[in-house]
Amino acid sequence: IIIVFGYPNITVEEELLNLLKYDTKNDWTYRQSQWKIRNHIDCYIKESKQLEEQCKKLNIKFVDTSKNRQQVLNELLSWLNDKLS
């Protein structure tokens, strides 16, 4: 089973707020400039969009964690249980 995670349906600002909300001293984002973090997020979002497109073409499970992450992960667990049963 192959599962690809991404967040293609979130804005850079929304994801920046998520990162900063949980940022700790141990995170790579700690003490980084917001410009640098925004640049990384923008690249990740673009990459996520490409991955989502490729997964659809190849019939690979893509999990969009842009919104309602906990709910999405719970649904994934149910999907996995069904696949493994």
Protein backbone atom coordinates (compact mmCIF):
# COMPACT_ATOMS: atom_id res chain seq x y z
CA ILE A 1 0.00 0.00 0.00
CA ILE A 2 1.38 3.37 -1.03
CA ILE A 3 0.05 6.51 0.61
CA VAL A 4 1.21 10.02 -0.30
CA PHE A 5 0.52 12.98 1.97
CA GLY A 6 0.33 16.60 0.94
CA TYR A 7 -1.44 19.89 1.44
CA PRO A 8 -2.36 21.26 -1.96
CA ASN A 9 -5.44 23.18 -0.79
CA ILE A 10 -4.04 25.60 1.75
CA THR A 11 -2.57 29.06 1.36
CA VAL A 12 0.96 29.95 2.36
CA GLU A 13 -0.40 32.24 5.08
CA GLU A 14 -2.67 29.54 6.54
CA GLU A 15 0.18 27.05 6.72
CA LEU A 16 2.55 29.64 8.14
CA LEU A 17 0.09 30.29 10.97
CA ASN A 18 -0.15 26.52 11.60
CA LEU A 19 3.62 26.19 11.75
CA LEU A 20 4.14 29.15 14.02
CA LYS A 21 1.36 28.00 16.33
CA TYR A 22 3.26 24.79 17.15
CA ASP A 23 6.83 25.98 16.61
CA THR A 24 9.32 24.81 19.25
CA LYS A 25 13.06 25.17 19.75
CA ASN A 26 13.53 21.73 18.17
CA ASP A 27 11.81 22.61 14.89
CA TRP A 28 13.75 23.66 11.80
CA THR A 29 11.48 26.70 11.55
CA TYR A 30 12.58 28.04 14.93
CA ARG A 31 14.40 31.37 14.49
CA GLN A 32 14.07 31.22 10.70
CA SER A 33 12.91 34.30 8.88
CA GLN A 34 9.26 34.30 7.86
CA TRP A 35 10.41 34.95 4.29
CA LYS A 36 12.43 31.71 4.29
CA ILE A 37 9.57 29.74 5.84
CA ARG A 38 7.04 31.18 3.36
CA ASN A 39 9.34 30.23 0.50
CA HIS A 40 9.55 26.62 1.75
CA ILE A 41 5.79 26.43 2.26
CA ASP A 42 5.13 27.76 -1.23
CA CYS A 43 7.41 25.06 -2.68
CA TYR A 44 5.70 22.34 -0.61
CA ILE A 45 2.24 23.45 -1.73
CA LYS A 46 3.30 23.44 -5.39
CA GLU A 47 4.89 20.02 -4.96
CA SER A 48 1.75 18.74 -3.22
CA LYS A 49 -0.37 19.83 -6.18
CA GLN A 50 1.92 17.96 -8.56
CA LEU A 51 1.93 14.87 -6.34
CA GLU A 52 -1.85 14.89 -6.10
CA GLU A 53 -2.12 15.05 -9.89
CA GLN A 54 0.36 12.21 -10.39
CA CYS A 55 -1.31 10.06 -7.73
CA LYS A 56 -4.67 10.42 -9.48
CA LYS A 57 -3.12 9.34 -12.78
CA LEU A 58 -1.39 6.35 -11.18
CA ASN A 59 -4.28 5.40 -8.87
CA ILE A 60 -2.16 5.93 -5.75
CA LYS A 61 -3.80 6.99 -2.48
CA PHE A 62 -3.23 10.71 -1.89
CA VAL A 63 -4.18 12.16 1.49
CA ASP A 64 -4.86 15.89 1.55
CA THR A 65 -4.00 17.21 5.01
CA SER A 66 -4.70 20.86 4.12
CA LYS A 67 -7.76 21.09 6.37
CA ASN A 68 -9.25 19.01 9.20
CA ARG A 69 -6.02 17.03 9.56
CA GLN A 70 -7.18 14.93 12.49
CA GLN A 71 -10.43 13.96 10.78
CA VAL A 72 -8.58 13.15 7.55
CA LEU A 73 -6.10 10.93 9.42
CA ASN A 74 -8.92 9.14 11.24
CA GLU A 75 -10.62 8.47 7.89
CA LEU A 76 -7.31 7.17 6.55
CA LEU A 77 -7.05 4.73 9.46
CA SER A 78 -10.52 3.41 8.65
CA TRP A 79 -9.56 3.08 4.98
CA LEU A 80 -6.40 1.21 5.95
CA ASN A 81 -8.32 -1.14 8.26
CA ASP A 82 -10.68 -1.97 5.40
CA LYS A 83 -7.78 -2.59 3.01
CA LEU A 84 -5.96 -4.81 5.48
CA SER A 85 -9.01 -6.82 6.54
